[in-house]
């Protein structure tokens, strides 16, 4: 169980991974969220 919690909105990594929704832009700075997003998208960057 991951205890990481966003310092801005107080959303937990566990909640983000369970629902698929982040609480705010700062959530993307948590290591577990970074790893999960990288795993989902394979490190690919958005191209315009």
N, C-alpha and C. Protein backbone atom coordinates (compact mmCIF):
# COMPACT_ATOMS: atom_id res chain seq x y z
N UNK A 1 0.85 -1.18 0.00
CA UNK A 1 0.00 0.00 0.00
C UNK A 1 0.89 1.24 0.00
N UNK A 2 0.62 2.16 -0.93
CA UNK A 2 1.44 3.36 -1.07
C UNK A 2 0.86 4.49 -0.22
N UNK A 3 1.70 5.11 0.59
CA UNK A 3 1.26 6.18 1.49
C UNK A 3 1.57 7.57 0.95
N UNK A 4 2.07 7.66 -0.29
CA UNK A 4 2.37 8.97 -0.86
C UNK A 4 1.09 9.78 -1.00
N UNK A 5 1.15 11.05 -0.56
CA UNK A 5 0.00 11.94 -0.65
C UNK A 5 0.46 13.28 -1.21
N UNK A 6 -0.32 13.82 -2.12
CA UNK A 6 0.00 15.12 -2.72
C UNK A 6 -0.03 16.20 -1.65
N UNK A 7 1.02 17.01 -1.63
CA UNK A 7 1.13 18.07 -0.63
C UNK A 7 0.14 19.21 -0.88
N UNK A 8 -0.33 19.35 -2.12
CA UNK A 8 -1.24 20.44 -2.45
C UNK A 8 -2.71 20.08 -2.23
N UNK A 9 -3.14 18.96 -2.79
CA UNK A 9 -4.57 18.61 -2.75
C UNK A 9 -4.89 17.44 -1.83
N UNK A 10 -3.85 16.79 -1.31
CA UNK A 10 -3.99 15.68 -0.36
C UNK A 10 -4.61 14.42 -0.96
N UNK A 11 -4.51 14.27 -2.27
CA UNK A 11 -4.95 13.04 -2.92
C UNK A 11 -3.84 12.01 -2.78
N UNK A 12 -4.20 10.78 -2.44
CA UNK A 12 -3.19 9.74 -2.27
C UNK A 12 -2.90 9.05 -3.60
N UNK A 13 -1.70 8.51 -3.71
CA UNK A 13 -1.33 7.76 -4.91
C UNK A 13 -2.27 6.57 -5.07
N UNK A 14 -2.60 5.95 -3.97
CA UNK A 14 -3.52 4.81 -4.01
C UNK A 14 -4.86 5.21 -4.64
N UNK A 15 -5.37 6.37 -4.26
CA UNK A 15 -6.63 6.87 -4.82
C UNK A 15 -6.49 7.16 -6.31
N UNK A 16 -5.38 7.75 -6.71
CA UNK A 16 -5.13 8.05 -8.13
C UNK A 16 -5.08 6.78 -8.95
N UNK A 17 -4.35 5.78 -8.47
CA UNK A 17 -4.22 4.52 -9.21
C UNK A 17 -5.54 3.76 -9.25
N UNK A 18 -6.35 3.89 -8.21
CA UNK A 18 -7.64 3.21 -8.15
C UNK A 18 -8.66 3.85 -9.08
N UNK A 19 -8.71 5.18 -9.11
CA UNK A 19 -9.73 5.89 -9.88
C UNK A 19 -9.28 6.31 -11.27
N UNK A 20 -7.96 6.52 -11.43
CA UNK A 20 -7.44 7.03 -12.69
C UNK A 20 -7.49 8.54 -12.79
N UNK A 21 -7.90 9.20 -11.71
CA UNK A 21 -8.00 10.65 -11.70
C UNK A 21 -7.01 11.25 -10.72
N UNK A 22 -6.28 12.28 -11.17
CA UNK A 22 -5.38 13.01 -10.28
C UNK A 22 -6.15 14.17 -9.67
N UNK A 23 -5.67 14.65 -8.52
CA UNK A 23 -6.36 15.73 -7.84
C UNK A 23 -5.96 17.11 -8.35
N UNK A 24 -4.70 17.25 -8.76
CA UNK A 24 -4.21 18.56 -9.23
C UNK A 24 -2.92 18.35 -10.02
N UNK A 25 -2.37 19.44 -10.51
CA UNK A 25 -1.14 19.35 -11.31
C UNK A 25 0.05 18.86 -10.50
N UNK A 26 0.06 19.11 -9.19
CA UNK A 26 1.17 18.69 -8.34
C UNK A 26 1.22 17.17 -8.15
N UNK A 27 0.09 16.51 -8.34
CA UNK A 27 0.05 15.05 -8.22
C UNK A 27 1.04 14.39 -9.16
N UNK A 28 1.26 15.01 -10.32
CA UNK A 28 2.17 14.46 -11.32
C UNK A 28 3.63 14.52 -10.89
N UNK A 29 3.92 15.18 -9.77
CA UNK A 29 5.29 15.26 -9.27
C UNK A 29 5.64 14.13 -8.30
N UNK A 30 4.64 13.34 -7.90
CA UNK A 30 4.89 12.22 -6.98
C UNK A 30 5.52 11.07 -7.76
N UNK A 31 6.55 10.48 -7.19
CA UNK A 31 7.32 9.44 -7.87
C UNK A 31 6.45 8.28 -8.35
N UNK A 32 5.53 7.83 -7.54
CA UNK A 32 4.68 6.70 -7.94
C UNK A 32 3.79 7.05 -9.12
N UNK A 33 3.33 8.29 -9.18
CA UNK A 33 2.49 8.72 -10.31
C UNK A 33 3.35 8.84 -11.56
N UNK A 34 4.54 9.38 -11.43
CA UNK A 34 5.46 9.47 -12.56
C UNK A 34 5.72 8.09 -13.13
N UNK A 35 6.00 7.12 -12.27
CA UNK A 35 6.27 5.76 -12.72
C UNK A 35 5.05 5.14 -13.39
N UNK A 36 3.85 5.37 -12.82
CA UNK A 36 2.63 4.80 -13.39
C UNK A 36 2.34 5.38 -14.77
N UNK A 37 2.49 6.70 -14.91
CA UNK A 37 2.25 7.35 -16.20
C UNK A 37 3.26 6.86 -17.23
N UNK A 38 4.51 6.74 -16.82
CA UNK A 38 5.54 6.24 -17.73
C UNK A 38 5.23 4.81 -18.18
N UNK A 39 4.77 4.00 -17.25
CA UNK A 39 4.43 2.62 -17.57
C UNK A 39 3.23 2.55 -18.53
N UNK A 40 2.24 3.41 -18.30
CA UNK A 40 1.04 3.42 -19.14
C UNK A 40 1.35 3.88 -20.56
N UNK A 41 2.19 4.90 -20.67
CA UNK A 41 2.44 5.52 -21.97
C UNK A 41 3.80 5.20 -22.54
N UNK A 42 4.57 4.39 -21.86
CA UNK A 42 5.84 3.93 -22.40
C UNK A 42 6.85 5.02 -22.61
N UNK A 43 6.75 6.11 -21.87
CA UNK A 43 7.70 7.20 -21.98
C UNK A 43 7.55 8.02 -23.25
N UNK A 44 6.47 7.78 -24.00
CA UNK A 44 6.24 8.52 -25.23
C UNK A 44 5.83 9.95 -24.89
N UNK A 45 6.26 10.86 -25.74
CA UNK A 45 5.91 12.26 -25.55
C UNK A 45 4.78 12.65 -26.50
N UNK A 46 3.99 13.59 -26.06
CA UNK A 46 2.92 14.11 -26.91
C UNK A 46 3.54 14.90 -28.04
N UNK A 47 3.07 14.66 -29.22
CA UNK A 47 3.60 15.39 -30.39
C UNK A 47 2.47 16.21 -31.00
N UNK A 48 2.81 17.44 -31.33
CA UNK A 48 1.81 18.34 -31.92
C UNK A 48 1.79 18.24 -33.41
